[in-house]
Amino acid sequence: SLEVALASGAHEWREAYRLRRGDGRYAQVSERG
């Protein structure tokens, strides 16, 4: 998804996914770049 946004000329990228916390558990996050 990020590669497509970078290659397509888009000025914004959004995605939802799981990100590992410092304790090893995963947070459900949304990211906007």
PDB file of all heavy atoms in Angstrom:
ATOM      1  N   SER A   1       0.827  -1.203   0.000  1.00  0.00           N
ATOM      2  CA  SER A   1       0.000   0.000   0.000  1.00  0.00           C
ATOM      3  C   SER A   1       0.870   1.265   0.000  1.00  0.00           C
ATOM      4  O   SER A   1       0.601   2.215  -0.735  1.00  0.00           O
ATOM      5  CB  SER A   1      -0.918  -0.024   1.227  1.00  0.00           C
ATOM      6  OG  SER A   1      -1.532   1.208   1.444  1.00  0.00           O
ATOM      7  N   LEU A   2       1.914   1.263   0.813  1.00  0.00           N
ATOM      8  CA  LEU A   2       2.823   2.411   0.865  1.00  0.00           C
ATOM      9  C   LEU A   2       3.569   2.571  -0.458  1.00  0.00           C
ATOM     10  O   LEU A   2       3.681   3.686  -0.978  1.00  0.00           O
ATOM     11  CB  LEU A   2       3.811   2.252   2.023  1.00  0.00           C
ATOM     12  CG  LEU A   2       4.844   3.363   2.182  1.00  0.00           C
ATOM     13  CD1 LEU A   2       4.175   4.725   2.354  1.00  0.00           C
ATOM     14  CD2 LEU A   2       5.765   3.060   3.358  1.00  0.00           C
ATOM     15  N   GLU A   3       4.041   1.484  -1.022  1.00  0.00           N
ATOM     16  CA  GLU A   3       4.751   1.544  -2.301  1.00  0.00           C
ATOM     17  C   GLU A   3       3.862   2.099  -3.408  1.00  0.00           C
ATOM     18  O   GLU A   3       4.309   2.910  -4.229  1.00  0.00           O
ATOM     19  CB  GLU A   3       5.271   0.166  -2.689  1.00  0.00           C
ATOM     20  CG  GLU A   3       6.413  -0.308  -1.821  1.00  0.00           C
ATOM     21  CD  GLU A   3       6.737  -1.784  -1.991  1.00  0.00           C
ATOM     22  OE1 GLU A   3       6.018  -2.494  -2.748  1.00  0.00           O
ATOM     23  OE2 GLU A   3       7.703  -2.238  -1.356  1.00  0.00           O
ATOM     24  N   VAL A   4       2.606   1.689  -3.433  1.00  0.00           N
ATOM     25  CA  VAL A   4       1.656   2.198  -4.434  1.00  0.00           C
ATOM     26  C   VAL A   4       1.460   3.702  -4.256  1.00  0.00           C
ATOM     27  O   VAL A   4       1.473   4.463  -5.221  1.00  0.00           O
ATOM     28  CB  VAL A   4       0.309   1.444  -4.362  1.00  0.00           C
ATOM     29  CG1 VAL A   4      -0.769   2.161  -5.150  1.00  0.00           C
ATOM     30  CG2 VAL A   4       0.476   0.015  -4.854  1.00  0.00           C
ATOM     31  N   ALA A   5       1.286   4.138  -3.015  1.00  0.00           N
ATOM     32  CA  ALA A   5       1.099   5.570  -2.751  1.00  0.00           C
ATOM     33  C   ALA A   5       2.321   6.368  -3.191  1.00  0.00           C
ATOM     34  O   ALA A   5       2.190   7.425  -3.813  1.00  0.00           O
ATOM     35  CB  ALA A   5       0.807   5.808  -1.271  1.00  0.00           C
ATOM     36  N   LEU A   6       3.509   5.863  -2.891  1.00  0.00           N
ATOM     37  CA  LEU A   6       4.739   6.572  -3.259  1.00  0.00           C
ATOM     38  C   LEU A   6       4.914   6.628  -4.773  1.00  0.00           C
ATOM     39  O   LEU A   6       5.302   7.656  -5.325  1.00  0.00           O
ATOM     40  CB  LEU A   6       5.946   5.911  -2.601  1.00  0.00           C
ATOM     41  CG  LEU A   6       6.014   6.023  -1.078  1.00  0.00           C
ATOM     42  CD1 LEU A   6       7.148   5.162  -0.533  1.00  0.00           C
ATOM     43  CD2 LEU A   6       6.158   7.467  -0.632  1.00  0.00           C
ATOM     44  N   ALA A   7       4.609   5.532  -5.455  1.00  0.00           N
ATOM     45  CA  ALA A   7       4.803   5.462  -6.907  1.00  0.00           C
ATOM     46  C   ALA A   7       3.722   6.184  -7.698  1.00  0.00           C
ATOM     47  O   ALA A   7       3.959   6.623  -8.826  1.00  0.00           O
ATOM     48  CB  ALA A   7       4.877   4.007  -7.348  1.00  0.00           C
ATOM     49  N   SER A   8       2.543   6.317  -7.115  1.00  0.00           N
ATOM     50  CA  SER A   8       1.400   6.850  -7.856  1.00  0.00           C
ATOM     51  C   SER A   8       1.345   8.370  -7.913  1.00  0.00           C
ATOM     52  O   SER A   8       0.522   8.925  -8.632  1.00  0.00           O
ATOM     53  CB  SER A   8       0.101   6.346  -7.230  1.00  0.00           C
ATOM     54  OG  SER A   8      -0.102   6.970  -5.966  1.00  0.00           O
ATOM     55  N   GLY A   9       2.157   9.028  -7.141  1.00  0.00           N
ATOM     56  CA  GLY A   9       2.090  10.485  -7.093  1.00  0.00           C
ATOM     57  C   GLY A   9       1.136  10.997  -6.033  1.00  0.00           C
ATOM     58  O   GLY A   9       0.906  12.199  -5.929  1.00  0.00           O
ATOM     59  N   ALA A  10       0.588  10.096  -5.232  1.00  0.00           N
ATOM     60  CA  ALA A  10      -0.330  10.509  -4.157  1.00  0.00           C
ATOM     61  C   ALA A  10       0.397  11.407  -3.162  1.00  0.00           C
ATOM     62  O   ALA A  10       1.613  11.317  -2.993  1.00  0.00           O
ATOM     63  CB  ALA A  10      -0.876   9.278  -3.439  1.00  0.00           C
ATOM     64  N   HIS A  11      -0.359  12.261  -2.508  1.00  0.00           N
ATOM     65  CA  HIS A  11       0.206  13.143  -1.492  1.00  0.00           C
ATOM     66  C   HIS A  11      -0.158  12.700  -0.081  1.00  0.00           C
ATOM     67  O   HIS A  11       0.264  13.324   0.891  1.00  0.00           O
ATOM     68  CB  HIS A  11      -0.254  14.584  -1.724  1.00  0.00           C
ATOM     69  CG  HIS A  11       0.345  15.173  -2.958  1.00  0.00           C
ATOM     70  ND1 HIS A  11       1.626  15.673  -2.996  1.00  0.00           N
ATOM     71  CD2 HIS A  11      -0.151  15.305  -4.209  1.00  0.00           C
ATOM     72  CE1 HIS A  11       1.891  16.097  -4.207  1.00  0.00           C
ATOM     73  NE2 HIS A  11       0.824  15.884  -4.972  1.00  0.00           N
ATOM     74  N   GLU A  12      -0.951  11.635   0.001  1.00  0.00           N
ATOM     75  CA  GLU A  12      -1.372  11.139   1.314  1.00  0.00           C
ATOM     76  C   GLU A  12      -1.471   9.621   1.265  1.00  0.00           C
ATOM     77  O   GLU A  12      -1.805   9.038   0.236  1.00  0.00           O
ATOM     78  CB  GLU A  12      -2.729  11.736   1.675  1.00  0.00           C
ATOM     79  CG  GLU A  12      -3.203  11.406   3.054  1.00  0.00           C
ATOM     80  CD  GLU A  12      -4.523  12.093   3.391  1.00  0.00           C
ATOM     81  OE1 GLU A  12      -4.805  13.171   2.850  1.00  0.00           O
ATOM     82  OE2 GLU A  12      -5.266  11.523   4.195  1.00  0.00           O
ATOM     83  N   TRP A  13      -1.178   9.002   2.415  1.00  0.00           N
ATOM     84  CA  TRP A  13      -1.277   7.550   2.553  1.00  0.00           C
ATOM     85  C   TRP A  13      -1.954   7.248   3.873  1.00  0.00           C
ATOM     86  O   TRP A  13      -1.666   7.881   4.884  1.00  0.00           O
ATOM     87  CB  TRP A  13       0.123   6.936   2.511  1.00  0.00           C
ATOM     88  CG  TRP A  13       0.187   5.485   2.844  1.00  0.00           C
ATOM     89  CD1 TRP A  13      -0.208   4.458   2.049  1.00  0.00           C
ATOM     90  CD2 TRP A  13       0.665   4.890   4.050  1.00  0.00           C
ATOM     91  NE1 TRP A  13       0.008   3.248   2.689  1.00  0.00           N
ATOM     92  CE2 TRP A  13       0.550   3.498   3.926  1.00  0.00           C
ATOM     93  CE3 TRP A  13       1.195   5.404   5.235  1.00  0.00           C
ATOM     94  CZ2 TRP A  13       0.938   2.608   4.922  1.00  0.00           C
ATOM     95  CZ3 TRP A  13       1.580   4.524   6.232  1.00  0.00           C
ATOM     96  CH2 TRP A  13       1.445   3.144   6.062  1.00  0.00           C
ATOM     97  N   ARG A  14      -2.887   6.288   3.859  1.00  0.00           N
ATOM     98  CA  ARG A  14      -3.579   5.855   5.073  1.00  0.00           C
ATOM     99  C   ARG A  14      -3.618   4.339   5.100  1.00  0.00           C
ATOM    100  O   ARG A  14      -3.818   3.711   4.069  1.00  0.00           O
ATOM    101  CB  ARG A  14      -5.020   6.364   5.104  1.00  0.00           C
ATOM    102  CG  ARG A  14      -5.155   7.837   5.277  1.00  0.00           C
ATOM    103  CD  ARG A  14      -6.630   8.211   5.226  1.00  0.00           C
ATOM    104  NE  ARG A  14      -6.784   9.642   5.224  1.00  0.00           N
ATOM    105  CZ  ARG A  14      -7.554  10.296   6.060  1.00  0.00           C
ATOM    106  NH1 ARG A  14      -8.272   9.647   6.954  1.00  0.00           N
ATOM    107  NH2 ARG A  14      -7.640  11.603   6.015  1.00  0.00           N
ATOM    108  N   GLU A  15      -3.462   3.803   6.304  1.00  0.00           N
ATOM    109  CA  GLU A  15      -3.523   2.356   6.436  1.00  0.00           C
ATOM    110  C   GLU A  15      -3.826   2.000   7.883  1.00  0.00           C
ATOM    111  O   GLU A  15      -3.501   2.746   8.795  1.00  0.00           O
ATOM    112  CB  GLU A  15      -2.191   1.736   6.018  1.00  0.00           C
ATOM    113  CG  GLU A  15      -2.232   0.262   5.785  1.00  0.00           C
ATOM    114  CD  GLU A  15      -3.191  -0.178   4.708  1.00  0.00           C
ATOM    115  OE1 GLU A  15      -2.940   0.103   3.522  1.00  0.00           O
ATOM    116  OE2 GLU A  15      -4.208  -0.805   5.054  1.00  0.00           O
ATOM    117  N   ALA A  16      -4.474   0.845   8.073  1.00  0.00           N
ATOM    118  CA  ALA A  16      -4.740   0.288   9.403  1.00  0.00           C
ATOM    119  C   ALA A  16      -4.031  -1.061   9.473  1.00  0.00           C
ATOM    120  O   ALA A  16      -4.065  -1.841   8.518  1.00  0.00           O
ATOM    121  CB  ALA A  16      -6.230   0.117   9.621  1.00  0.00           C
ATOM    122  N   TYR A  17      -3.397  -1.312  10.599  1.00  0.00           N
ATOM    123  CA  TYR A  17      -2.625  -2.543  10.759  1.00  0.00           C
ATOM    124  C   TYR A  17      -2.296  -2.742  12.234  1.00  0.00           C
ATOM    125  O   TYR A  17      -2.688  -1.942  13.083  1.00  0.00           O
ATOM    126  CB  TYR A  17      -1.341  -2.495   9.917  1.00  0.00           C
ATOM    127  CG  TYR A  17      -0.447  -1.319  10.240  1.00  0.00           C
ATOM    128  CD1 TYR A  17       0.586  -1.437  11.164  1.00  0.00           C
ATOM    129  CD2 TYR A  17      -0.640  -0.086   9.626  1.00  0.00           C
ATOM    130  CE1 TYR A  17       1.393  -0.371  11.472  1.00  0.00           C
ATOM    131  CE2 TYR A  17       0.164   0.991   9.926  1.00  0.00           C
ATOM    132  CZ  TYR A  17       1.185   0.854  10.853  1.00  0.00           C
ATOM    133  OH  TYR A  17       1.985   1.921  11.157  1.00  0.00           O
ATOM    134  N   ARG A  18      -1.554  -3.809  12.526  1.00  0.00           N
ATOM    135  CA  ARG A  18      -1.118  -4.094  13.902  1.00  0.00           C
ATOM    136  C   ARG A  18       0.363  -3.755  14.048  1.00  0.00           C
ATOM    137  O   ARG A  18       1.165  -4.115  13.178  1.00  0.00           O
ATOM    138  CB  ARG A  18      -1.364  -5.566  14.230  1.00  0.00           C
ATOM    139  CG  ARG A  18      -2.852  -5.891  14.309  1.00  0.00           C
ATOM    140  CD  ARG A  18      -3.100  -7.365  14.308  1.00  0.00           C
ATOM    141  NE  ARG A  18      -2.854  -7.880  12.957  1.00  0.00           N
ATOM    142  CZ  ARG A  18      -2.954  -9.150  12.605  1.00  0.00           C
ATOM    143  NH1 ARG A  18      -3.273 -10.068  13.508  1.00  0.00           N
ATOM    144  NH2 ARG A  18      -2.724  -9.537  11.371  1.00  0.00           N
ATOM    145  N   LEU A  19       0.686  -3.072  15.141  1.00  0.00           N
ATOM    146  CA  LEU A  19       2.049  -2.618  15.402  1.00  0.00           C
ATOM    147  C   LEU A  19       2.506  -3.150  16.758  1.00  0.00           C
ATOM    148  O   LEU A  19       1.776  -3.041  17.744  1.00  0.00           O
ATOM    149  CB  LEU A  19       2.085  -1.088  15.413  1.00  0.00           C
ATOM    150  CG  LEU A  19       3.457  -0.442  15.550  1.00  0.00           C
ATOM    151  CD1 LEU A  19       4.219  -0.556  14.236  1.00  0.00           C
ATOM    152  CD2 LEU A  19       3.312   1.023  15.930  1.00  0.00           C
ATOM    153  N   ARG A  20       3.718  -3.727  16.786  1.00  0.00           N
ATOM    154  CA  ARG A  20       4.228  -4.327  18.016  1.00  0.00           C
ATOM    155  C   ARG A  20       4.621  -3.265  19.031  1.00  0.00           C
ATOM    156  O   ARG A  20       5.348  -2.333  18.738  1.00  0.00           O
ATOM    157  CB  ARG A  20       5.433  -5.221  17.722  1.00  0.00           C
ATOM    158  CG  ARG A  20       5.899  -5.985  18.935  1.00  0.00           C
ATOM    159  CD  ARG A  20       6.920  -7.058  18.605  1.00  0.00           C
ATOM    160  NE  ARG A  20       7.800  -6.772  17.491  1.00  0.00           N
ATOM    161  CZ  ARG A  20       8.978  -6.159  17.604  1.00  0.00           C
ATOM    162  NH1 ARG A  20       9.419  -5.771  18.763  1.00  0.00           N
ATOM    163  NH2 ARG A  20       9.709  -5.960  16.535  1.00  0.00           N
ATOM    164  N   ARG A  21       4.112  -3.434  20.238  1.00  0.00           N
ATOM    165  CA  ARG A  21       4.462  -2.559  21.359  1.00  0.00           C
ATOM    166  C   ARG A  21       5.788  -3.031  21.969  1.00  0.00           C
ATOM    167  O   ARG A  21       6.270  -4.111  21.679  1.00  0.00           O
ATOM    168  CB  ARG A  21       3.391  -2.637  22.440  1.00  0.00           C
ATOM    169  CG  ARG A  21       2.021  -2.181  22.021  1.00  0.00           C
ATOM    170  CD  ARG A  21       1.063  -2.394  23.205  1.00  0.00           C
ATOM    171  NE  ARG A  21      -0.308  -2.188  22.847  1.00  0.00           N
ATOM    172  CZ  ARG A  21      -0.942  -1.015  22.916  1.00  0.00           C
ATOM    173  NH1 ARG A  21      -0.306   0.043  23.338  1.00  0.00           N
ATOM    174  NH2 ARG A  21      -2.209  -0.926  22.589  1.00  0.00           N
ATOM    175  N   GLY A  22       6.308  -2.237  22.870  1.00  0.00           N
ATOM    176  CA  GLY A  22       7.543  -2.576  23.555  1.00  0.00           C
ATOM    177  C   GLY A  22       7.452  -3.852  24.371  1.00  0.00           C
ATOM    178  O   GLY A  22       8.451  -4.547  24.559  1.00  0.00           O
ATOM    179  N   ASP A  23       6.245  -4.195  24.852  1.00  0.00           N
ATOM    180  CA  ASP A  23       6.079  -5.413  25.653  1.00  0.00           C
ATOM    181  C   ASP A  23       5.785  -6.649  24.805  1.00  0.00           C
ATOM    182  O   ASP A  23       5.521  -7.722  25.334  1.00  0.00           O
ATOM    183  CB  ASP A  23       4.986  -5.222  26.706  1.00  0.00           C
ATOM    184  CG  ASP A  23       3.606  -4.995  26.120  1.00  0.00           C
ATOM    185  OD1 ASP A  23       3.441  -5.083  24.878  1.00  0.00           O
ATOM    186  OD2 ASP A  23       2.672  -4.718  26.891  1.00  0.00           O
ATOM    187  N   GLY A  24       5.797  -6.488  23.475  1.00  0.00           N
ATOM    188  CA  GLY A  24       5.576  -7.611  22.577  1.00  0.00           C
ATOM    189  C   GLY A  24       4.140  -7.789  22.114  1.00  0.00           C
ATOM    190  O   GLY A  24       3.885  -8.495  21.151  1.00  0.00           O
ATOM    191  N   ARG A  25       3.185  -7.172  22.818  1.00  0.00           N
ATOM    192  CA  ARG A  25       1.789  -7.247  22.367  1.00  0.00           C
ATOM    193  C   ARG A  25       1.615  -6.340  21.156  1.00  0.00           C
ATOM    194  O   ARG A  25       2.442  -5.475  20.895  1.00  0.00           O
ATOM    195  CB  ARG A  25       0.835  -6.800  23.481  1.00  0.00           C
ATOM    196  CG  ARG A  25       0.817  -7.737  24.668  1.00  0.00           C
ATOM    197  CD  ARG A  25      -0.133  -7.258  25.767  1.00  0.00           C
ATOM    198  NE  ARG A  25       0.265  -5.922  26.204  1.00  0.00           N
ATOM    199  CZ  ARG A  25      -0.580  -4.912  26.463  1.00  0.00           C
ATOM    200  NH1 ARG A  25      -1.869  -5.085  26.347  1.00  0.00           N
ATOM    201  NH2 ARG A  25      -0.139  -3.739  26.859  1.00  0.00           N
ATOM    202  N   TYR A  26       0.513  -6.527  20.435  1.00  0.00           N
ATOM    203  CA  TYR A  26       0.256  -5.720  19.246  1.00  0.00           C
ATOM    204  C   TYR A  26      -0.883  -4.748  19.490  1.00  0.00           C
ATOM    205  O   TYR A  26      -1.916  -5.113  20.050  1.00  0.00           O
ATOM    206  CB  TYR A  26      -0.071  -6.608  18.040  1.00  0.00           C
ATOM    207  CG  TYR A  26       1.173  -7.222  17.451  1.00  0.00           C
ATOM    208  CD1 TYR A  26       1.652  -8.441  17.909  1.00  0.00           C
ATOM    209  CD2 TYR A  26       1.883  -6.558  16.464  1.00  0.00           C
ATOM    210  CE1 TYR A  26       2.808  -9.000  17.388  1.00  0.00           C
ATOM    211  CE2 TYR A  26       3.042  -7.114  15.932  1.00  0.00           C
ATOM    212  CZ  TYR A  26       3.494  -8.319  16.393  1.00  0.00           C
ATOM    213  OH  TYR A  26       4.638  -8.863  15.877  1.00  0.00           O
ATOM    214  N   ALA A  27      -0.671  -3.521  19.048  1.00  0.00           N
ATOM    215  CA  ALA A  27      -1.707  -2.496  19.071  1.00  0.00           C
ATOM    216  C   ALA A  27      -2.355  -2.458  17.693  1.00  0.00           C
ATOM    217  O   ALA A  27      -1.689  -2.671  16.676  1.00  0.00           O
ATOM    218  CB  ALA A  27      -1.095  -1.132  19.385  1.00  0.00           C
ATOM    219  N   GLN A  28      -3.642  -2.184  17.668  1.00  0.00           N
ATOM    220  CA  GLN A  28      -4.330  -1.953  16.402  1.00  0.00           C
ATOM    221  C   GLN A  28      -4.232  -0.456  16.139  1.00  0.00           C
ATOM    222  O   GLN A  28      -4.703   0.353  16.951  1.00  0.00           O
ATOM    223  CB  GLN A  28      -5.772  -2.412  16.501  1.00  0.00           C
ATOM    224  CG  GLN A  28      -5.890  -3.902  16.723  1.00  0.00           C
ATOM    225  CD  GLN A  28      -7.339  -4.335  16.817  1.00  0.00           C
ATOM    226  OE1 GLN A  28      -8.246  -3.654  16.372  1.00  0.00           O
ATOM    227  NE2 GLN A  28      -7.555  -5.495  17.411  1.00  0.00           N
ATOM    228  N   VAL A  29      -3.617  -0.097  15.034  1.00  0.00           N
ATOM    229  CA  VAL A  29      -3.351   1.314  14.768  1.00  0.00           C
ATOM    230  C   VAL A  29      -3.898   1.736  13.411  1.00  0.00           C
ATOM    231  O   VAL A  29      -4.155   0.912  12.534  1.00  0.00           O
ATOM    232  CB  VAL A  29      -1.830   1.618  14.816  1.00  0.00           C
ATOM    233  CG1 VAL A  29      -1.240   1.260  16.174  1.00  0.00           C
ATOM    234  CG2 VAL A  29      -1.078   0.924  13.703  1.00  0.00           C
ATOM    235  N   SER A  30      -4.056   3.031  13.276  1.00  0.00           N
ATOM    236  CA  SER A  30      -4.296   3.617  11.959  1.00  0.00           C
ATOM    237  C   SER A  30      -3.204   4.660  11.766  1.00  0.00           C
ATOM    238  O   SER A  30      -2.804   5.334  12.713  1.00  0.00           O
ATOM    239  CB  SER A  30      -5.690   4.230  11.849  1.00  0.00           C
ATOM    240  OG  SER A  30      -5.826   5.311  12.718  1.00  0.00           O
ATOM    241  N   GLU A  31      -2.720   4.728  10.555  1.00  0.00           N
ATOM    242  CA  GLU A  31      -1.634   5.647  10.263  1.00  0.00           C
ATOM    243  C   GLU A  31      -2.014   6.506   9.070  1.00  0.00           C
ATOM    244  O   GLU A  31      -2.659   6.045   8.128  1.00  0.00           O
ATOM    245  CB  GLU A  31      -0.343   4.892   9.963  1.00  0.00           C
ATOM    246  CG  GLU A  31       0.824   5.811   9.726  1.00  0.00           C
ATOM    247  CD  GLU A  31       2.161   5.097   9.768  1.00  0.00           C
ATOM    248  OE1 GLU A  31       2.196   3.873   9.946  1.00  0.00           O
ATOM    249  OE2 GLU A  31       3.171   5.783   9.616  1.00  0.00           O
ATOM    250  N   ARG A  32      -1.599   7.748   9.131  1.00  0.00           N
ATOM    251  CA  ARG A  32      -1.829   8.695   8.046  1.00  0.00           C
ATOM    252  C   ARG A  32      -0.519   9.415   7.794  1.00  0.00           C
ATOM    253  O   ARG A  32       0.082   9.965   8.719  1.00  0.00           O
ATOM    254  CB  ARG A  32      -2.900   9.691   8.449  1.00  0.00           C
ATOM    255  CG  ARG A  32      -3.246  10.690   7.380  1.00  0.00           C
ATOM    256  CD  ARG A  32      -4.360  11.579   7.861  1.00  0.00           C
ATOM    257  NE  ARG A  32      -4.768  12.520   6.846  1.00  0.00           N
ATOM    258  CZ  ARG A  32      -5.578  13.528   7.053  1.00  0.00           C
ATOM    259  NH1 ARG A  32      -6.093  13.719   8.253  1.00  0.00           N
ATOM    260  NH2 ARG A  32      -5.891  14.337   6.076  1.00  0.00           N
ATOM    261  N   GLY A  33      -0.058   9.375   6.571  1.00  0.00           N
ATOM    262  CA  GLY A  33       1.191  10.030   6.215  1.00  0.00           C
ATOM    263  C   GLY A  33       0.993  10.990   5.068  1.00  0.00           C
ATOM    264  O   GLY A  33       0.226  10.717   4.146  1.00  0.00           O
TER     265      GLY A  33
END
